[in-house]
Amino acid sequence: MKKIKFGDIGNFEGTEFLETVLCGRGNFRLERILSKSSASPEGFWYDQPDAEFALVLEGFAELEGADGSRLVLGKFEGVFIPPHFKHRVAFTSQNCLWLALLANEMKVEKNIFA
């Protein structure tokens, strides 16, 4: 066993810190992300081949879809983003800590999403 301290990032320069914590032979990766009042560049859209589940552990964030949808996530709220769903980070709080799971195959087993 090995302990992972998700919130222990220390000091870093810039507005975002991203680190892959675990990965599995190209099938999945688990990332921890710390955003400091950050947003995606204007006109930039993520268009990822993998499905993503992102969970806010601390702070808050607002996501925007290319379809015009907007979603605010608070502490312990998450979002499932299907492959190739164009989205961007509209803004985050000063210290927004995320846990993100990306996988080439993922489906929602239980609909707990509002």
PDB file of N, CA and C in Angstrom:
ATOM      1  N   MET A   1       0.837  -1.176   0.000  1.00  0.00           N
ATOM      2  CA  MET A   1       0.000   0.000   0.000  1.00  0.00           C
ATOM      3  C   MET A   1       0.886   1.244   0.000  1.00  0.00           C
ATOM      4  N   LYS A   2       0.350   2.291  -0.629  1.00  0.00           N
ATOM      5  CA  LYS A   2       1.064   3.558  -0.636  1.00  0.00           C
ATOM      6  C   LYS A   2       0.057   4.683  -0.461  1.00  0.00           C
ATOM      7  N   LYS A   3       0.326   5.567   0.505  1.00  0.00           N
ATOM      8  CA  LYS A   3      -0.567   6.689   0.784  1.00  0.00           C
ATOM      9  C   LYS A   3      -0.375   7.767  -0.282  1.00  0.00           C
ATOM     10  N   ILE A   4      -1.487   8.333  -0.735  1.00  0.00           N
ATOM     11  CA  ILE A   4      -1.463   9.443  -1.686  1.00  0.00           C
ATOM     12  C   ILE A   4      -2.141  10.629  -1.013  1.00  0.00           C
ATOM     13  N   LYS A   5      -1.439  11.736  -0.919  1.00  0.00           N
ATOM     14  CA  LYS A   5      -2.008  12.949  -0.331  1.00  0.00           C
ATOM     15  C   LYS A   5      -2.432  13.871  -1.469  1.00  0.00           C
ATOM     16  N   PHE A   6      -3.705  13.820  -1.828  1.00  0.00           N
ATOM     17  CA  PHE A   6      -4.190  14.578  -2.980  1.00  0.00           C
ATOM     18  C   PHE A   6      -4.067  16.080  -2.800  1.00  0.00           C
ATOM     19  N   GLY A   7      -4.239  16.576  -1.589  1.00  0.00           N
ATOM     20  CA  GLY A   7      -4.202  18.014  -1.366  1.00  0.00           C
ATOM     21  C   GLY A   7      -2.814  18.563  -1.104  1.00  0.00           C
ATOM     22  N   ASP A   8      -1.819  17.698  -0.943  1.00  0.00           N
ATOM     23  CA  ASP A   8      -0.456  18.126  -0.620  1.00  0.00           C
ATOM     24  C   ASP A   8       0.331  18.373  -1.902  1.00  0.00           C
ATOM     25  N   ILE A   9       0.184  19.582  -2.452  1.00  0.00           N
ATOM     26  CA  ILE A   9       0.838  19.913  -3.714  1.00  0.00           C
ATOM     27  C   ILE A   9       2.023  20.840  -3.488  1.00  0.00           C
ATOM     28  N   GLY A  10       1.979  21.622  -2.428  1.00  0.00           N
ATOM     29  CA  GLY A  10       3.058  22.570  -2.157  1.00  0.00           C
ATOM     30  C   GLY A  10       2.882  23.824  -2.992  1.00  0.00           C
ATOM     31  N   ASN A  11       3.929  24.597  -3.103  1.00  0.00           N
ATOM     32  CA  ASN A  11       3.879  25.840  -3.876  1.00  0.00           C
ATOM     33  C   ASN A  11       4.191  25.562  -5.338  1.00  0.00           C
ATOM     34  N   PHE A  12       3.467  26.208  -6.214  1.00  0.00           N
ATOM     35  CA  PHE A  12       3.742  26.099  -7.637  1.00  0.00           C
ATOM     36  C   PHE A  12       3.441  27.419  -8.312  1.00  0.00           C
ATOM     37  N   GLU A  13       4.107  27.649  -9.411  1.00  0.00           N
ATOM     38  CA  GLU A  13       3.894  28.871 -10.192  1.00  0.00           C
ATOM     39  C   GLU A  13       2.764  28.633 -11.184  1.00  0.00           C
ATOM     40  N   GLY A  14       2.052  29.676 -11.550  1.00  0.00           N
ATOM     41  CA  GLY A  14       1.006  29.562 -12.558  1.00  0.00           C
ATOM     42  C   GLY A  14      -0.367  29.422 -11.950  1.00  0.00           C
ATOM     43  N   THR A  15      -1.334  29.093 -12.804  1.00  0.00           N
ATOM     44  CA  THR A  15      -2.725  29.012 -12.365  1.00  0.00           C
ATOM     45  C   THR A  15      -3.248  27.583 -12.298  1.00  0.00           C
ATOM     46  N   GLU A  16      -2.449  26.608 -12.765  1.00  0.00           N
ATOM     47  CA  GLU A  16      -2.933  25.232 -12.720  1.00  0.00           C
ATOM     48  C   GLU A  16      -1.782  24.245 -12.571  1.00  0.00           C
ATOM     49  N   PHE A  17      -2.015  23.238 -11.732  1.00  0.00           N
ATOM     50  CA  PHE A  17      -1.075  22.146 -11.521  1.00  0.00           C
ATOM     51  C   PHE A  17      -1.825  20.864 -11.857  1.00  0.00           C
ATOM     52  N   LEU A  18      -1.284  20.044 -12.740  1.00  0.00           N
ATOM     53  CA  LEU A  18      -1.917  18.787 -13.128  1.00  0.00           C
ATOM     54  C   LEU A  18      -0.881  17.688 -13.027  1.00  0.00           C
ATOM     55  N   GLU A  19      -1.268  16.579 -12.395  1.00  0.00           N
ATOM     56  CA  GLU A  19      -0.349  15.460 -12.226  1.00  0.00           C
ATOM     57  C   GLU A  19      -1.114  14.147 -12.356  1.00  0.00           C
ATOM     58  N   THR A  20      -0.603  13.221 -13.161  1.00  0.00           N
ATOM     59  CA  THR A  20      -1.175  11.880 -13.240  1.00  0.00           C
ATOM     60  C   THR A  20      -0.692  11.102 -12.030  1.00  0.00           C
ATOM     61  N   VAL A  21      -1.642  10.590 -11.248  1.00  0.00           N
ATOM     62  CA  VAL A  21      -1.327   9.877 -10.015  1.00  0.00           C
ATOM     63  C   VAL A  21      -1.251   8.370 -10.269  1.00  0.00           C
ATOM     64  N   LEU A  22      -2.197   7.854 -11.032  1.00  0.00           N
ATOM     65  CA  LEU A  22      -2.248   6.434 -11.381  1.00  0.00           C
ATOM     66  C   LEU A  22      -2.597   6.293 -12.851  1.00  0.00           C
ATOM     67  N   CYS A  23      -2.113   5.232 -13.472  1.00  0.00           N
ATOM     68  CA  CYS A  23      -2.536   4.936 -14.849  1.00  0.00           C
ATOM     69  C   CYS A  23      -2.516   3.429 -15.044  1.00  0.00           C
ATOM     70  N   GLY A  24      -3.240   2.969 -16.039  1.00  0.00           N
ATOM     71  CA  GLY A  24      -3.358   1.536 -16.265  1.00  0.00           C
ATOM     72  C   GLY A  24      -3.234   1.153 -17.715  1.00  0.00           C
ATOM     73  N   ARG A  25      -2.026   0.898 -18.155  1.00  0.00           N
ATOM     74  CA  ARG A  25      -1.731   0.366 -19.492  1.00  0.00           C
ATOM     75  C   ARG A  25      -2.496   1.046 -20.617  1.00  0.00           C
ATOM     76  N   GLY A  26      -2.650   2.345 -20.516  1.00  0.00           N
ATOM     77  CA  GLY A  26      -3.349   3.085 -21.550  1.00  0.00           C
ATOM     78  C   GLY A  26      -4.857   3.021 -21.447  1.00  0.00           C
ATOM     79  N   ASN A  27      -5.386   2.266 -20.468  1.00  0.00           N
ATOM     80  CA  ASN A  27      -6.832   2.123 -20.314  1.00  0.00           C
ATOM     81  C   ASN A  27      -7.456   3.255 -19.504  1.00  0.00           C
ATOM     82  N   PHE A  28      -6.726   3.749 -18.500  1.00  0.00           N
ATOM     83  CA  PHE A  28      -7.255   4.819 -17.661  1.00  0.00           C
ATOM     84  C   PHE A  28      -6.103   5.612 -17.063  1.00  0.00           C
ATOM     85  N   ARG A  29      -6.453   6.797 -16.587  1.00  0.00           N
ATOM     86  CA  ARG A  29      -5.512   7.572 -15.790  1.00  0.00           C
ATOM     87  C   ARG A  29      -6.292   8.384 -14.760  1.00  0.00           C
ATOM     88  N   LEU A  30      -5.692   8.529 -13.596  1.00  0.00           N
ATOM     89  CA  LEU A  30      -6.266   9.289 -12.499  1.00  0.00           C
ATOM     90  C   LEU A  30      -5.379  10.506 -12.295  1.00  0.00           C
ATOM     91  N   GLU A  31      -5.989  11.685 -12.360  1.00  0.00           N
ATOM     92  CA  GLU A  31      -5.233  12.933 -12.259  1.00  0.00           C
ATOM     93  C   GLU A  31      -5.704  13.736 -11.056  1.00  0.00           C
ATOM     94  N   ARG A  32      -4.778  14.462 -10.471  1.00  0.00           N
ATOM     95  CA  ARG A  32      -5.154  15.470  -9.482  1.00  0.00           C
ATOM     96  C   ARG A  32      -4.789  16.811 -10.099  1.00  0.00           C
ATOM     97  N   ILE A  33      -5.685  17.753  -9.912  1.00  0.00           N
ATOM     98  CA  ILE A  33      -5.533  19.066 -10.538  1.00  0.00           C
ATOM     99  C   ILE A  33      -5.834  20.123  -9.487  1.00  0.00           C
ATOM    100  N   LEU A  34      -4.964  21.110  -9.403  1.00  0.00           N
ATOM    101  CA  LEU A  34      -5.235  22.264  -8.563  1.00  0.00           C
ATOM    102  C   LEU A  34      -5.306  23.482  -9.472  1.00  0.00           C
ATOM    103  N   SER A  35      -6.453  24.135  -9.471  1.00  0.00           N
ATOM    104  CA  SER A  35      -6.658  25.337 -10.283  1.00  0.00           C
ATOM    105  C   SER A  35      -6.740  26.536  -9.351  1.00  0.00           C
ATOM    106  N   LYS A  36      -6.092  27.628  -9.745  1.00  0.00           N
ATOM    107  CA  LYS A  36      -6.099  28.855  -8.948  1.00  0.00           C
ATOM    108  C   LYS A  36      -6.742  29.969  -9.771  1.00  0.00           C
ATOM    109  N   SER A  37      -8.039  30.153  -9.567  1.00  0.00           N
ATOM    110  CA  SER A  37      -8.785  31.188 -10.305  1.00  0.00           C
ATOM    111  C   SER A  37      -8.471  31.109 -11.795  1.00  0.00           C
ATOM    112  N   SER A  38      -8.561  29.925 -12.343  1.00  0.00           N
ATOM    113  CA  SER A  38      -8.161  29.741 -13.739  1.00  0.00           C
ATOM    114  C   SER A  38      -9.364  29.480 -14.644  1.00  0.00           C
ATOM    115  N   ALA A  39      -9.125  29.589 -15.927  1.00  0.00           N
ATOM    116  CA  ALA A  39     -10.129  29.323 -16.963  1.00  0.00           C
ATOM    117  C   ALA A  39      -9.400  28.872 -18.215  1.00  0.00           C
ATOM    118  N   SER A  40     -10.101  28.120 -19.044  1.00  0.00           N
ATOM    119  CA  SER A  40      -9.539  27.753 -20.349  1.00  0.00           C
ATOM    120  C   SER A  40      -9.376  29.015 -21.177  1.00  0.00           C
ATOM    121  N   PRO A  41      -8.378  29.059 -22.042  1.00  0.00           N
ATOM    122  CA  PRO A  41      -8.224  30.236 -22.913  1.00  0.00           C
ATOM    123  C   PRO A  41      -9.486  30.468 -23.749  1.00  0.00           C
ATOM    124  N   GLU A  42      -9.789  31.713 -24.009  1.00  0.00           N
ATOM    125  CA  GLU A  42     -10.965  32.065 -24.821  1.00  0.00           C
ATOM    126  C   GLU A  42     -10.895  31.339 -26.163  1.00  0.00           C
ATOM    127  N   GLY A  43     -11.996  30.692 -26.539  1.00  0.00           N
ATOM    128  CA  GLY A  43     -12.056  29.984 -27.814  1.00  0.00           C
ATOM    129  C   GLY A  43     -11.491  28.574 -27.783  1.00  0.00           C
ATOM    130  N   PHE A  44     -10.887  28.149 -26.647  1.00  0.00           N
ATOM    131  CA  PHE A  44     -10.333  26.801 -26.531  1.00  0.00           C
ATOM    132  C   PHE A  44     -11.401  25.848 -26.013  1.00  0.00           C
ATOM    133  N   TRP A  45     -11.470  24.654 -26.622  1.00  0.00           N
ATOM    134  CA  TRP A  45     -12.408  23.622 -26.191  1.00  0.00           C
ATOM    135  C   TRP A  45     -11.666  22.299 -26.055  1.00  0.00           C
ATOM    136  N   TYR A  46     -11.842  21.635 -24.894  1.00  0.00           N
ATOM    137  CA  TYR A  46     -11.342  20.263 -24.765  1.00  0.00           C
ATOM    138  C   TYR A  46     -12.201  19.391 -25.662  1.00  0.00           C
ATOM    139  N   ASP A  47     -11.567  18.478 -26.387  1.00  0.00           N
ATOM    140  CA  ASP A  47     -12.253  17.498 -27.242  1.00  0.00           C
ATOM    141  C   ASP A  47     -11.478  16.193 -27.081  1.00  0.00           C
ATOM    142  N   GLN A  48     -11.726  15.516 -25.982  1.00  0.00           N
ATOM    143  CA  GLN A  48     -10.926  14.364 -25.573  1.00  0.00           C
ATOM    144  C   GLN A  48     -11.494  13.060 -26.115  1.00  0.00           C
ATOM    145  N   PRO A  49     -10.620  12.135 -26.518  1.00  0.00           N
ATOM    146  CA  PRO A  49     -11.094  10.831 -26.990  1.00  0.00           C
ATOM    147  C   PRO A  49     -11.592   9.943 -25.847  1.00  0.00           C
ATOM    148  N   ASP A  50     -11.197  10.260 -24.611  1.00  0.00           N
ATOM    149  CA  ASP A  50     -11.591   9.456 -23.456  1.00  0.00           C
ATOM    150  C   ASP A  50     -12.794  10.051 -22.745  1.00  0.00           C
ATOM    151  N   ALA A  51     -13.560   9.188 -22.067  1.00  0.00           N
ATOM    152  CA  ALA A  51     -14.596   9.647 -21.147  1.00  0.00           C
ATOM    153  C   ALA A  51     -13.902  10.154 -19.894  1.00  0.00           C
ATOM    154  N   GLU A  52     -14.543  11.097 -19.209  1.00  0.00           N
ATOM    155  CA  GLU A  52     -13.937  11.672 -18.005  1.00  0.00           C
ATOM    156  C   GLU A  52     -14.980  11.805 -16.903  1.00  0.00           C
ATOM    157  N   PHE A  53     -14.570  11.452 -15.696  1.00  0.00           N
ATOM    158  CA  PHE A  53     -15.349  11.770 -14.507  1.00  0.00           C
ATOM    159  C   PHE A  53     -14.486  12.714 -13.690  1.00  0.00           C
ATOM    160  N   ALA A  54     -14.972  13.919 -13.453  1.00  0.00           N
ATOM    161  CA  ALA A  54     -14.231  14.923 -12.690  1.00  0.00           C
ATOM    162  C   ALA A  54     -15.000  15.231 -11.413  1.00  0.00           C
ATOM    163  N   LEU A  55     -14.294  15.258 -10.300  1.00  0.00           N
ATOM    164  CA  LEU A  55     -14.892  15.496  -8.990  1.00  0.00           C
ATOM    165  C   LEU A  55     -14.147  16.643  -8.324  1.00  0.00           C
ATOM    166  N   VAL A  56     -14.891  17.642  -7.858  1.00  0.00           N
ATOM    167  CA  VAL A  56     -14.293  18.756  -7.122  1.00  0.00           C
ATOM    168  C   VAL A  56     -14.188  18.343  -5.653  1.00  0.00           C
ATOM    169  N   LEU A  57     -12.968  18.354  -5.124  1.00  0.00           N
ATOM    170  CA  LEU A  57     -12.743  17.994  -3.726  1.00  0.00           C
ATOM    171  C   LEU A  57     -12.718  19.220  -2.810  1.00  0.00           C
ATOM    172  N   GLU A  58     -12.375  20.359  -3.383  1.00  0.00           N
ATOM    173  CA  GLU A  58     -12.307  21.606  -2.617  1.00  0.00           C
ATOM    174  C   GLU A  58     -12.558  22.764  -3.571  1.00  0.00           C
ATOM    175  N   GLY A  59     -13.282  23.779  -3.118  1.00  0.00           N
ATOM    176  CA  GLY A  59     -13.545  24.949  -3.947  1.00  0.00           C
ATOM    177  C   GLY A  59     -14.743  24.735  -4.865  1.00  0.00           C
ATOM    178  N   PHE A  60     -14.742  25.454  -6.002  1.00  0.00           N
ATOM    179  CA  PHE A  60     -15.822  25.322  -6.974  1.00  0.00           C
ATOM    180  C   PHE A  60     -15.297  25.639  -8.368  1.00  0.00           C
ATOM    181  N   ALA A  61     -16.059  25.198  -9.368  1.00  0.00           N
ATOM    182  CA  ALA A  61     -15.697  25.447 -10.760  1.00  0.00           C
ATOM    183  C   ALA A  61     -16.958  25.530 -11.601  1.00  0.00           C
ATOM    184  N   GLU A  62     -16.864  26.260 -12.693  1.00  0.00           N
ATOM    185  CA  GLU A  62     -17.957  26.297 -13.662  1.00  0.00           C
ATOM    186  C   GLU A  62     -17.420  25.795 -14.989  1.00  0.00           C
ATOM    187  N   LEU A  63     -18.124  24.822 -15.557  1.00  0.00           N
ATOM    188  CA  LEU A  63     -17.776  24.263 -16.861  1.00  0.00           C
ATOM    189  C   LEU A  63     -18.781  24.756 -17.888  1.00  0.00           C
ATOM    190  N   GLU A  64     -18.322  24.868 -19.115  1.00  0.00           N
ATOM    191  CA  GLU A  64     -19.170  25.316 -20.222  1.00  0.00           C
ATOM    192  C   GLU A  64     -19.040  24.325 -21.361  1.00  0.00           C
ATOM    193  N   GLY A  65     -20.175  23.912 -21.925  1.00  0.00           N
ATOM    194  CA  GLY A  65     -20.167  23.031 -23.086  1.00  0.00           C
ATOM    195  C   GLY A  65     -20.279  23.843 -24.364  1.00  0.00           C
ATOM    196  N   ALA A  66     -19.740  23.318 -25.453  1.00  0.00           N
ATOM    197  CA  ALA A  66     -19.832  24.000 -26.743  1.00  0.00           C
ATOM    198  C   ALA A  66     -21.290  24.115 -27.193  1.00  0.00           C
ATOM    199  N   ASP A  67     -22.167  23.293 -26.604  1.00  0.00           N
ATOM    200  CA  ASP A  67     -23.601  23.342 -26.922  1.00  0.00           C
ATOM    201  C   ASP A  67     -24.323  24.449 -26.155  1.00  0.00           C
ATOM    202  N   GLY A  68     -23.578  25.241 -25.360  1.00  0.00           N
ATOM    203  CA  GLY A  68     -24.171  26.336 -24.592  1.00  0.00           C
ATOM    204  C   GLY A  68     -24.517  25.970 -23.159  1.00  0.00           C
ATOM    205  N   SER A  69     -24.365  24.709 -22.786  1.00  0.00           N
ATOM    206  CA  SER A  69     -24.674  24.298 -21.418  1.00  0.00           C
ATOM    207  C   SER A  69     -23.619  24.833 -20.451  1.00  0.00           C
ATOM    208  N   ARG A  70     -24.043  25.068 -19.201  1.00  0.00           N
ATOM    209  CA  ARG A  70     -23.131  25.517 -18.136  1.00  0.00           C
ATOM    210  C   ARG A  70     -23.443  24.693 -16.897  1.00  0.00           C
ATOM    211  N   LEU A  71     -22.407  24.394 -16.138  1.00  0.00           N
ATOM    212  CA  LEU A  71     -22.566  23.564 -14.954  1.00  0.00           C
ATOM    213  C   LEU A  71     -21.618  24.065 -13.874  1.00  0.00           C
ATOM    214  N   VAL A  72     -22.172  24.400 -12.702  1.00  0.00           N
ATOM    215  CA  VAL A  72     -21.355  24.813 -11.564  1.00  0.00           C
ATOM    216  C   VAL A  72     -21.198  23.606 -10.646  1.00  0.00           C
ATOM    217  N   LEU A  73     -19.955  23.314 -10.286  1.00  0.00           N
ATOM    218  CA  LEU A  73     -19.647  22.204  -9.393  1.00  0.00           C
ATOM    219  C   LEU A  73     -19.069  22.743  -8.100  1.00  0.00           C
ATOM    220  N   GLY A  74     -19.642  22.316  -6.972  1.00  0.00           N
ATOM    221  CA  GLY A  74     -19.121  22.661  -5.657  1.00  0.00           C
ATOM    222  C   GLY A  74     -18.392  21.471  -5.069  1.00  0.00           C
ATOM    223  N   LYS A  75     -17.994  21.619  -3.826  1.00  0.00           N
ATOM    224  CA  LYS A  75     -17.269  20.571  -3.115  1.00  0.00           C
ATOM    225  C   LYS A  75     -18.037  19.255  -3.139  1.00  0.00           C
ATOM    226  N   PHE A  76     -17.354  18.196  -3.518  1.00  0.00           N
ATOM    227  CA  PHE A  76     -17.873  16.830  -3.617  1.00  0.00           C
ATOM    228  C   PHE A  76     -18.935  16.650  -4.698  1.00  0.00           C
ATOM    229  N   GLU A  77     -18.964  17.548  -5.673  1.00  0.00           N
ATOM    230  CA  GLU A  77     -19.852  17.384  -6.831  1.00  0.00           C
ATOM    231  C   GLU A  77     -18.995  17.017  -8.038  1.00  0.00           C
ATOM    232  N   GLY A  78     -19.548  16.124  -8.857  1.00  0.00           N
ATOM    233  CA  GLY A  78     -18.800  15.644 -10.010  1.00  0.00           C
ATOM    234  C   GLY A  78     -19.602  15.721 -11.284  1.00  0.00           C
ATOM    235  N   VAL A  79     -18.922  15.444 -12.385  1.00  0.00           N
ATOM    236  CA  VAL A  79     -19.553  15.477 -13.695  1.00  0.00           C
ATOM    237  C   VAL A  79     -18.974  14.345 -14.546  1.00  0.00           C
ATOM    238  N   PHE A  80     -19.836  13.703 -15.321  1.00  0.00           N
ATOM    239  CA  PHE A  80     -19.406  12.718 -16.309  1.00  0.00           C
ATOM    240  C   PHE A  80     -19.399  13.418 -17.662  1.00  0.00           C
ATOM    241  N   ILE A  81     -18.266  13.363 -18.344  1.00  0.00           N
ATOM    242  CA  ILE A  81     -18.122  14.007 -19.657  1.00  0.00           C
ATOM    243  C   ILE A  81     -17.843  12.907 -20.682  1.00  0.00           C
ATOM    244  N   PRO A  82     -18.770  12.673 -21.606  1.00  0.00           N
ATOM    245  CA  PRO A  82     -18.557  11.617 -22.600  1.00  0.00           C
ATOM    246  C   PRO A  82     -17.424  11.971 -23.567  1.00  0.00           C
ATOM    247  N   PRO A  83     -16.878  10.966 -24.243  1.00  0.00           N
ATOM    248  CA  PRO A  83     -15.817  11.234 -25.222  1.00  0.00           C
ATOM    249  C   PRO A  83     -16.269  12.262 -26.266  1.00  0.00           C
ATOM    250  N   HIS A  84     -15.368  13.137 -26.644  1.00  0.00           N
ATOM    251  CA  HIS A  84     -15.558  14.149 -27.689  1.00  0.00           C
ATOM    252  C   HIS A  84     -16.664  15.161 -27.400  1.00  0.00           C
ATOM    253  N   PHE A  85     -17.067  15.283 -26.122  1.00  0.00           N
ATOM    254  CA  PHE A  85     -17.988  16.360 -25.761  1.00  0.00           C
ATOM    255  C   PHE A  85     -17.138  17.609 -25.559  1.00  0.00           C
ATOM    256  N   LYS A  86     -17.290  18.580 -26.444  1.00  0.00           N
ATOM    257  CA  LYS A  86     -16.467  19.790 -26.376  1.00  0.00           C
ATOM    258  C   LYS A  86     -16.881  20.621 -25.173  1.00  0.00           C
ATOM    259  N   HIS A  87     -15.886  20.919 -24.329  1.00  0.00           N
ATOM    260  CA  HIS A  87     -16.138  21.664 -23.099  1.00  0.00           C
ATOM    261  C   HIS A  87     -14.903  22.471 -22.720  1.00  0.00           C
ATOM    262  N   ARG A  88     -15.114  23.404 -21.805  1.00  0.00           N
ATOM    263  CA  ARG A  88     -14.014  24.229 -21.308  1.00  0.00           C
ATOM    264  C   ARG A  88     -14.300  24.600 -19.863  1.00  0.00           C
ATOM    265  N   VAL A  89     -13.270  25.033 -19.155  1.00  0.00           N
ATOM    266  CA  VAL A  89     -13.430  25.539 -17.797  1.00  0.00           C
ATOM    267  C   VAL A  89     -13.695  27.034 -17.914  1.00  0.00           C
ATOM    268  N   ALA A  90     -14.889  27.469 -17.485  1.00  0.00           N
ATOM    269  CA  ALA A  90     -15.239  28.888 -17.539  1.00  0.00           C
ATOM    270  C   ALA A  90     -14.496  29.661 -16.453  1.00  0.00           C
ATOM    271  N   PHE A  91     -14.465  29.117 -15.236  1.00  0.00           N
ATOM    272  CA  PHE A  91     -13.662  29.698 -14.156  1.00  0.00           C
ATOM    273  C   PHE A  91     -13.618  28.733 -12.982  1.00  0.00           C
ATOM    274  N   THR A  92     -12.662  28.970 -12.073  1.00  0.00           N
ATOM    275  CA  THR A  92     -12.575  28.193 -10.837  1.00  0.00           C
ATOM    276  C   THR A  92     -12.354  29.143  -9.665  1.00  0.00           C
ATOM    277  N   SER A  93     -12.567  28.619  -8.491  1.00  0.00           N
ATOM    278  CA  SER A  93     -12.250  29.380  -7.283  1.00  0.00           C
ATOM    279  C   SER A  93     -10.727  29.480  -7.133  1.00  0.00           C
ATOM    280  N   GLN A  94     -10.299  30.249  -6.150  1.00  0.00           N
ATOM    281  CA  GLN A  94      -8.866  30.475  -5.925  1.00  0.00           C
ATOM    282  C   GLN A  94      -8.110  29.161  -5.718  1.00  0.00           C
ATOM    283  N   ASN A  95      -8.672  28.233  -4.976  1.00  0.00           N
ATOM    284  CA  ASN A  95      -8.052  26.928  -4.750  1.00  0.00           C
ATOM    285  C   ASN A  95      -9.071  25.840  -5.029  1.00  0.00           C
ATOM    286  N   CYS A  96      -9.132  25.415  -6.271  1.00  0.00           N
ATOM    287  CA  CYS A  96     -10.063  24.368  -6.683  1.00  0.00           C
ATOM    288  C   CYS A  96      -9.263  23.078  -6.887  1.00  0.00           C
ATOM    289  N   LEU A  97      -9.524  22.099  -6.035  1.00  0.00           N
ATOM    290  CA  LEU A  97      -8.836  20.816  -6.111  1.00  0.00           C
ATOM    291  C   LEU A  97      -9.763  19.805  -6.761  1.00  0.00           C
ATOM    292  N   TRP A  98      -9.285  19.195  -7.850  1.00  0.00           N
ATOM    293  CA  TRP A  98     -10.055  18.232  -8.634  1.00  0.00           C
ATOM    294  C   TRP A  98      -9.431  16.844  -8.531  1.00  0.00           C
ATOM    295  N   LEU A  99     -10.253  15.848  -8.720  1.00  0.00           N
ATOM    296  CA  LEU A  99      -9.814  14.484  -8.960  1.00  0.00           C
ATOM    297  C   LEU A  99     -10.485  14.087 -10.265  1.00  0.00           C
ATOM    298  N   ALA A 100      -9.707  13.695 -11.260  1.00  0.00           N
ATOM    299  CA  ALA A 100     -10.274  13.361 -12.569  1.00  0.00           C
ATOM    300  C   ALA A 100      -9.863  11.954 -12.973  1.00  0.00           C
ATOM    301  N   LEU A 101     -10.834  11.172 -13.398  1.00  0.00           N
ATOM    302  CA  LEU A 101     -10.605   9.829 -13.915  1.00  0.00           C
ATOM    303  C   LEU A 101     -10.947   9.848 -15.393  1.00  0.00           C
ATOM    304  N   LEU A 102      -9.973   9.506 -16.235  1.00  0.00           N
ATOM    305  CA  LEU A 102     -10.176   9.438 -17.679  1.00  0.00           C
ATOM    306  C   LEU A 102      -9.956   7.997 -18.129  1.00  0.00           C
ATOM    307  N   ALA A 103     -10.851   7.500 -18.961  1.00  0.00           N
ATOM    308  CA  ALA A 103     -10.756   6.112 -19.416  1.00  0.00           C
ATOM    309  C   ALA A 103     -11.296   5.999 -20.833  1.00  0.00           C
ATOM    310  N   ASN A 104     -10.727   5.049 -21.583  1.00  0.00           N
ATOM    311  CA  ASN A 104     -11.184   4.892 -22.963  1.00  0.00           C
ATOM    312  C   ASN A 104     -12.558   4.239 -23.018  1.00  0.00           C
ATOM    313  N   GLU A 105     -12.967   3.557 -21.964  1.00  0.00           N
ATOM    314  CA  GLU A 105     -14.322   3.016 -21.868  1.00  0.00           C
ATOM    315  C   GLU A 105     -14.840   3.267 -20.462  1.00  0.00           C
ATOM    316  N   MET A 106     -15.987   3.937 -20.383  1.00  0.00           N
ATOM    317  CA  MET A 106     -16.578   4.238 -19.088  1.00  0.00           C
ATOM    318  C   MET A 106     -18.070   4.424 -19.297  1.00  0.00           C
ATOM    319  N   LYS A 107     -18.857   3.940 -18.368  1.00  0.00           N
ATOM    320  CA  LYS A 107     -20.295   4.182 -18.439  1.00  0.00           C
ATOM    321  C   LYS A 107     -20.823   4.434 -17.035  1.00  0.00           C
ATOM    322  N   VAL A 108     -21.951   5.108 -16.970  1.00  0.00           N
ATOM    323  CA  VAL A 108     -22.586   5.406 -15.694  1.00  0.00           C
ATOM    324  C   VAL A 108     -23.379   4.183 -15.274  1.00  0.00           C
ATOM    325  N   GLU A 109     -23.036   3.615 -14.114  1.00  0.00           N
ATOM    326  CA  GLU A 109     -23.724   2.422 -13.614  1.00  0.00           C
ATOM    327  C   GLU A 109     -24.998   2.756 -12.845  1.00  0.00           C
ATOM    328  N   LYS A 110     -24.956   3.847 -12.103  1.00  0.00           N
ATOM    329  CA  LYS A 110     -26.100   4.243 -11.293  1.00  0.00           C
ATOM    330  C   LYS A 110     -26.341   5.720 -11.544  1.00  0.00           C
ATOM    331  N   ASN A 111     -27.545   6.083 -11.895  1.00  0.00           N
ATOM    332  CA  ASN A 111     -27.822   7.475 -12.226  1.00  0.00           C
ATOM    333  C   ASN A 111     -28.046   8.285 -10.956  1.00  0.00           C
ATOM    334  N   ILE A 112     -26.932   8.831 -10.433  1.00  0.00           N
ATOM    335  CA  ILE A 112     -27.020   9.712  -9.270  1.00  0.00           C
ATOM    336  C   ILE A 112     -26.797  11.158  -9.712  1.00  0.00           C
ATOM    337  N   PHE A 113     -26.733  11.361 -11.026  1.00  0.00           N
ATOM    338  CA  PHE A 113     -26.493  12.686 -11.572  1.00  0.00           C
ATOM    339  C   PHE A 113     -27.819  13.436 -11.692  1.00  0.00           C
ATOM    340  N   ALA A 114     -27.817  14.684 -11.260  1.00  0.00           N
ATOM    341  CA  ALA A 114     -29.036  15.506 -11.301  1.00  0.00           C
ATOM    342  C   ALA A 114     -29.272  16.015 -12.696  1.00  0.00           C
TER     343      ALA A 114
END
